[in-house]
Protein backbone atom coordinates (compact mmCIF):
# COMPACT_ATOMS: atom_id res chain seq x y z
CA MET A 1 -28.32 -0.31 2.01
CA ILE A 2 -24.99 1.31 2.76
CA SER A 3 -22.80 1.82 -0.32
CA ARG A 4 -19.13 2.54 -1.06
CA ALA A 5 -20.23 5.72 -2.80
CA ASP A 6 -21.47 7.07 0.57
CA PHE A 7 -17.99 7.38 1.99
CA VAL A 8 -15.84 10.52 1.79
CA PRO A 9 -12.26 10.97 3.03
CA VAL A 10 -11.69 12.51 6.43
CA THR A 11 -10.17 15.99 6.15
CA GLU A 12 -9.56 19.06 8.25
CA ASN A 13 -12.66 20.54 6.67
CA ASN A 14 -15.10 17.80 7.76
CA ARG A 15 -13.47 16.56 10.92
CA HIS A 16 -16.12 18.44 12.96
CA ILE A 17 -18.62 15.77 11.82
CA LEU A 18 -16.63 13.01 13.49
CA GLU A 19 -15.88 15.13 16.57
CA HIS A 20 -19.61 15.64 17.05
CA TYR A 21 -20.18 11.89 17.22
CA PHE A 22 -17.13 11.32 19.38
CA ALA A 23 -18.51 13.95 21.87
CA GLN A 24 -22.02 12.56 21.82
CA TYR A 25 -20.88 8.91 22.09
CA PRO A 26 -17.54 8.95 23.99
CA GLN A 27 -14.90 6.74 22.54
CA TYR A 28 -12.04 4.92 24.28
CA HIS A 29 -9.95 3.26 21.65
CA SER A 30 -7.41 5.36 19.67
CA GLU A 31 -8.93 4.13 16.33
CA SER A 32 -11.83 6.41 17.19
CA SER A 33 -9.71 9.55 17.87
CA ILE A 34 -9.66 12.45 15.42
CA VAL A 35 -6.00 13.00 16.30
CA THR A 36 -5.12 9.41 15.34
CA ILE A 37 -7.11 9.65 12.12
CA LEU A 38 -5.56 12.91 10.99
CA THR A 39 -1.98 12.33 12.03
CA TRP A 40 -1.76 8.91 10.55
CA ASN A 41 -3.78 9.71 7.42
CA ASN A 42 -0.76 9.25 5.12
CA TYR A 43 -0.27 5.61 6.28
CA ALA A 44 -3.89 4.71 7.13
CA PRO A 45 -6.29 6.94 5.20
CA CYS A 46 -9.79 6.92 6.63
CA SER A 47 -13.17 7.73 5.08
CA PHE A 48 -16.57 8.01 6.71
CA THR A 49 -20.29 8.37 6.22
CA GLU A 50 -23.22 9.39 8.25
CA TYR A 51 -25.87 6.72 7.88
CA LYS A 52 -29.17 6.33 9.83
CA ASN A 53 -27.88 8.83 12.53
CA HIS A 54 -24.65 6.87 13.02
CA LEU A 55 -21.04 7.53 12.08
CA ILE A 56 -19.31 4.74 10.11
CA ILE A 57 -15.58 4.88 9.52
CA GLU A 58 -13.60 2.89 6.99
CA CYS A 59 -9.87 2.67 7.09
CA THR A 60 -7.14 1.18 4.80
CA MET A 61 -3.75 0.09 6.02
CA ASP A 62 -1.17 -1.80 4.05
CA GLY A 63 -3.79 -2.35 1.37
CA GLU A 64 -6.16 -4.04 3.78
CA ARG A 65 -9.51 -2.32 4.21
CA GLY A 66 -11.62 -2.46 7.34
CA ILE A 67 -14.92 -0.94 8.32
CA HIS A 68 -15.62 -0.03 11.93
CA ALA A 69 -18.78 -0.92 13.79
CA ALA A 70 -21.07 2.16 13.77
CA ILE A 71 -20.77 4.85 16.39
CA GLY A 72 -24.19 5.84 17.74
CA LYS A 73 -27.02 4.23 19.59
CA PRO A 74 -26.69 0.38 19.52
CA ASP A 75 -28.47 -0.89 16.47
CA ALA A 76 -28.62 -4.59 15.62
CA GLU A 77 -30.20 -3.95 12.20
CA LEU A 78 -27.42 -1.59 11.21
CA LEU A 79 -24.77 -4.12 12.32
CA GLU A 80 -26.55 -6.60 10.06
CA GLU A 81 -26.14 -4.18 7.14
CA LEU A 82 -22.36 -3.81 7.94
CA LEU A 83 -21.93 -7.55 7.98
CA ILE A 84 -23.33 -7.68 4.53
CA PHE A 85 -21.25 -4.73 3.43
CA ALA A 86 -18.04 -6.26 4.81
CA ARG A 87 -18.73 -9.56 3.02
CA GLU A 88 -19.63 -7.96 -0.30
CA GLU A 89 -16.70 -5.44 -0.17
CA ASN A 90 -14.21 -8.01 1.07
CA CYS A 91 -13.18 -6.02 4.15
CA ALA A 92 -13.01 -6.84 7.77
CA LEU A 93 -15.64 -5.57 10.24
CA GLU A 94 -13.67 -4.08 13.11
CA ILE A 95 -15.13 -3.69 16.62
CA TYR A 96 -13.67 -1.34 19.19
CA ASP A 97 -16.50 -1.31 21.76
CA GLU A 98 -18.09 -3.93 23.97
CA GLU A 99 -21.72 -3.02 23.14
CA ASN A 100 -21.49 -3.80 19.43
CA LEU A 101 -19.46 -6.89 20.32
CA GLN A 102 -22.23 -8.21 22.57
CA ILE A 103 -24.92 -7.48 19.92
CA LEU A 104 -22.90 -9.47 17.37
CA LYS A 105 -22.46 -12.37 19.84
CA ASP A 106 -26.13 -12.39 20.66
CA THR A 107 -27.40 -12.16 17.07
CA HIS A 108 -24.74 -14.26 15.30
CA PRO A 109 -23.22 -16.62 17.80
CA LYS A 110 -21.72 -18.86 15.02
CA ILE A 111 -19.75 -16.15 13.32
CA PRO A 112 -16.13 -16.22 14.54
CA ILE A 113 -15.04 -12.96 16.16
CA THR A 114 -11.29 -12.67 16.59
CA GLU A 115 -9.47 -10.80 19.34
CA ASN A 116 -6.90 -8.44 17.81
CA ARG A 117 -4.44 -8.66 20.72
CA GLY A 118 -1.83 -6.37 19.10
CA TYR A 119 -4.43 -3.64 19.09
CA PHE A 120 -5.53 -4.06 22.73
CA GLU A 121 -4.86 -0.67 24.41
CA TYR A 122 -3.22 -0.42 27.88
CA CYS A 123 -5.21 1.67 30.43
CA TYR A 124 -3.62 2.69 33.74
CA SER A 125 -4.65 4.48 36.86
CA THR A 126 -3.52 8.05 36.54
CA GLU A 127 -3.01 8.16 40.35
CA GLU A 128 -0.85 5.06 40.35
CA LEU A 129 1.34 6.23 37.42
CA ALA A 130 1.81 9.62 39.11
CA ASN A 131 2.79 8.21 42.53
CA LEU A 132 4.37 4.79 41.73
CA LYS A 133 3.81 3.47 45.22
CA GLY A 134 4.28 -0.11 46.44
CA LYS A 135 6.59 -3.04 45.62
CA LYS A 136 5.33 -3.56 42.06
CA TYR A 137 6.92 -0.27 41.02
CA LEU A 138 10.20 -0.78 42.94
CA ASN A 139 12.24 -1.31 39.89
CA ILE A 140 10.75 1.69 38.05
CA ARG A 141 11.44 3.92 41.04
CA GLY A 142 14.99 2.68 41.12
CA GLN A 143 15.49 3.76 37.49
CA ILE A 144 13.93 7.20 38.25
CA ASN A 145 16.25 7.58 41.21
CA SER A 146 19.21 6.65 39.07
CA PHE A 147 18.18 9.32 36.52
CA ASN A 148 17.76 11.88 39.22
CA SER A 149 21.21 11.15 40.59
CA ARG A 150 22.72 12.11 37.22
CA TRP A 151 20.55 14.94 36.02
CA ASN A 152 18.33 17.75 37.19
CA TYR A 153 15.38 18.44 34.91
CA SER A 154 12.45 20.69 34.46
CA VAL A 155 8.99 20.11 32.95
CA GLU A 156 7.66 22.50 30.28
CA LYS A 157 4.36 22.71 28.58
CA ILE A 158 4.77 22.48 24.79
CA THR A 159 4.01 25.94 23.39
CA ASP A 160 5.00 28.21 20.55
CA LYS A 161 8.13 29.13 22.49
CA ASN A 162 9.60 25.61 22.51
CA ILE A 163 7.89 23.73 19.74
CA HIS A 164 10.84 24.21 17.33
CA GLU A 165 12.96 22.45 19.99
CA VAL A 166 10.42 19.69 20.23
CA THR A 167 10.54 19.24 16.48
CA ASN A 168 14.37 19.04 16.66
CA LEU A 169 14.17 16.38 19.34
CA VAL A 170 11.90 14.29 17.17
CA GLU A 171 14.38 14.68 14.23
CA GLU A 172 17.20 13.66 16.53
CA TRP A 173 15.22 10.67 17.81
CA SER A 174 14.41 9.65 14.24
CA ILE A 175 18.12 9.62 13.28
CA GLU A 176 18.99 7.80 16.48
CA LYS A 177 16.47 5.05 15.76
CA HIS A 178 17.28 4.90 12.01
CA CYS A 179 13.60 5.51 11.20
CA GLU A 180 14.33 6.00 7.50
CA THR A 181 14.97 2.20 7.20
CA ASP A 182 11.71 1.16 8.84
CA GLU A 183 8.45 1.96 7.03
CA ILE A 184 6.34 1.98 10.20
CA MET A 185 8.73 4.13 12.15
CA LYS A 186 9.03 6.55 9.18
CA GLU A 187 5.26 6.91 9.16
CA GLU A 188 5.19 7.39 12.98
CA ILE A 189 7.65 10.37 12.54
CA ASN A 190 5.34 11.76 9.82
CA ALA A 191 2.49 11.45 12.26
CA VAL A 192 4.41 13.25 15.04
CA LYS A 193 5.42 16.02 12.62
CA TYR A 194 1.82 16.52 11.54
CA ALA A 195 0.73 16.81 15.10
CA LEU A 196 3.49 19.40 15.90
CA GLU A 197 2.84 21.42 12.74
CA ASN A 198 -0.95 21.49 13.52
CA TYR A 199 -0.50 21.74 17.31
CA LYS A 200 -2.92 24.68 17.82
CA ASN A 201 -5.57 23.15 15.62
CA LEU A 202 -5.65 19.73 17.19
CA PRO A 203 -7.16 18.80 20.65
CA ILE A 204 -3.79 17.89 22.09
CA ASP A 205 -1.49 18.97 24.86
CA GLY A 206 1.98 17.94 25.90
CA ILE A 207 5.09 18.32 27.96
CA ALA A 208 8.85 18.52 27.27
CA ILE A 209 11.51 17.39 29.73
CA ARG A 210 14.52 19.66 29.73
CA ILE A 211 17.93 18.70 31.24
CA GLU A 212 19.11 21.60 33.36
CA GLU A 213 22.83 20.77 32.99
CA ASP A 214 22.91 21.25 29.23
CA LYS A 215 19.56 22.91 28.63
CA HIS A 216 18.72 20.22 26.03
CA LEU A 217 15.32 18.63 25.66
CA ALA A 218 15.51 14.97 26.59
CA GLY A 219 11.93 13.85 26.05
CA ILE A 220 8.42 14.74 25.17
CA ALA A 221 4.82 13.48 25.48
CA VAL A 222 1.79 14.47 23.47
CA TRP A 223 -1.77 13.49 24.51
CA GLU A 224 -5.46 14.03 23.96
CA ILE A 225 -8.20 14.20 26.53
CA GLN A 226 -10.41 11.68 24.70
CA ASN A 227 -13.41 11.65 27.02
CA SER A 228 -14.34 12.70 30.63
CA GLU A 229 -12.56 9.61 32.06
CA SER A 230 -9.36 9.09 30.05
CA ALA A 231 -6.42 10.65 28.32
CA LEU A 232 -4.90 9.04 25.20
CA ILE A 233 -1.13 9.26 24.95
CA HIS A 234 -0.34 9.68 21.22
CA PHE A 235 3.42 10.16 21.28
CA GLU A 236 6.33 9.71 23.70
CA LYS A 237 9.85 10.27 22.57
CA GLY A 238 13.06 10.23 24.66
CA LEU A 239 16.72 10.33 23.73
CA ALA A 240 18.90 7.32 24.48
CA GLN A 241 21.71 9.49 25.87
CA TYR A 242 19.53 9.97 28.88
CA PRO A 243 18.86 6.48 30.32
CA GLY A 244 15.60 6.25 32.18
CA ILE A 245 14.01 9.24 30.36
CA TYR A 246 10.92 7.22 29.46
CA LYS A 247 10.27 6.59 33.15
CA ILE A 248 10.47 10.34 33.77
CA ILE A 249 8.20 11.12 30.79
CA ASN A 250 5.61 8.61 31.99
CA LYS A 251 5.58 9.90 35.63
CA GLU A 252 5.50 13.58 34.71
CA THR A 253 2.70 12.99 32.14
CA ALA A 254 0.63 11.28 34.86
CA ARG A 255 1.36 14.21 37.21
CA LYS A 256 0.06 16.67 34.73
CA LEU A 257 -3.10 14.61 34.16
CA LEU A 258 -3.76 13.83 37.86
CA GLY A 259 -7.08 15.26 38.85
CA LYS A 260 -8.16 15.71 35.21
CA VAL A 261 -8.77 12.12 34.20
CA LYS A 262 -9.00 8.78 36.01
CA TRP A 263 -7.31 6.67 33.35
CA ILE A 264 -4.39 6.96 31.02
CA ASN A 265 -4.52 4.99 27.81
CA ARG A 266 -0.96 4.34 26.45
CA GLU A 267 -2.21 2.67 23.29
CA SER A 268 -1.30 -0.79 21.99
CA ASP A 269 1.85 -2.74 21.60
CA MET A 270 1.32 -3.73 17.91
CA ASP A 271 2.47 -7.27 18.87
CA VAL A 272 6.02 -5.95 19.44
CA ILE A 273 7.35 -8.12 22.28
CA GLY A 274 9.64 -5.54 23.82
CA LEU A 275 6.96 -2.88 23.81
CA ARG A 276 4.45 -5.40 25.37
CA GLU A 277 6.85 -6.21 28.09
CA SER A 278 7.49 -2.51 28.72
CA LYS A 279 3.76 -1.72 28.92
CA LEU A 280 3.05 -4.68 31.21
CA ARG A 281 5.69 -3.56 33.66
CA TYR A 282 3.44 -0.64 34.59
CA HIS A 283 0.61 -3.04 35.54
CA PRO A 284 -2.41 -1.95 33.39
CA GLU A 285 -5.82 -1.85 35.10
CA PHE A 286 -7.62 -3.01 32.01
CA PHE A 287 -7.43 -3.13 28.23
CA ILE A 288 -9.59 -1.36 25.62
CA LYS A 289 -9.96 -4.42 23.42
CA ALA A 290 -10.15 -4.69 19.59
CA TYR A 291 -11.83 -7.45 17.54
CA TYR A 292 -12.48 -8.23 13.88
CA ILE A 293 -14.67 -10.41 11.76
CA LEU A 294 -13.13 -11.59 8.42
CA PRO A 295 -15.34 -11.28 5.33
CA GLN A 296 -14.93 -14.91 4.46
CA ASP A 297 -16.45 -15.88 7.83
CA ILE A 298 -19.64 -13.95 7.17
CA PRO A 299 -22.21 -16.42 5.69
CA ALA A 300 -24.09 -15.46 2.47
CA THR A 301 -27.38 -15.74 4.26
CA LEU A 302 -27.45 -14.20 7.74
CA SER A 303 -29.91 -15.58 10.22
């Protein structure tokens, strides 16, 4: 049986093990991204084990532990072991793929599986975000036109030449948003800083938007090509003194990714109403869903 002693913390030195599984079994949710795991490690430390030719990840956030359904070939017997482990270790079993979800529904239809709506990730057509055609994007195009009437801008790839300016923009954004007073936002800034400090060593790319009138960076986006079909947007930051900047960031990011991936995953809304409304305005094509099973809902005798 799987044991707590089998797990080791995820580090830069062993990340290649996770990346091997992610490449062999393409992942779509950000919880199964080496960039997410490493950049958010201070807030949500993860550990892992290789068990029966599968990768199993465990993560702790706000003192709450969760174990992920295994990454590898679908295996009903292994899921059975994970249910027992979750019950005995008093941690949730988290599911981020539909195959394991269906196995659990088929083998244990009476165990309640809860949709974690705040962790549903929003996936959009790259082509639609790049072109913004049709009536449903009328308001967004209007905001872009308003931005363009006030400023000229250029789009730069994030490189060694401008990464210090990108870091300065993140600091400026942090002060603007009073991140020091909010624990989650403070941890997000730590995550962005980690990504920028390790930019060459992480599988990420990004752009910066520069305002031509004052030569100041107004916004950035950092993403990861997570699999052959989709890119995962890890960070977007724009300064409030440039109204409409997020619309520009979104469109220019999609333009950069057009022809490379079919879908853009802009991650979850974390149950933040304003963020949910903002993401819905871009008309997602589908969600990468998240589910969990609570340990107290797993019966002592599985059948």
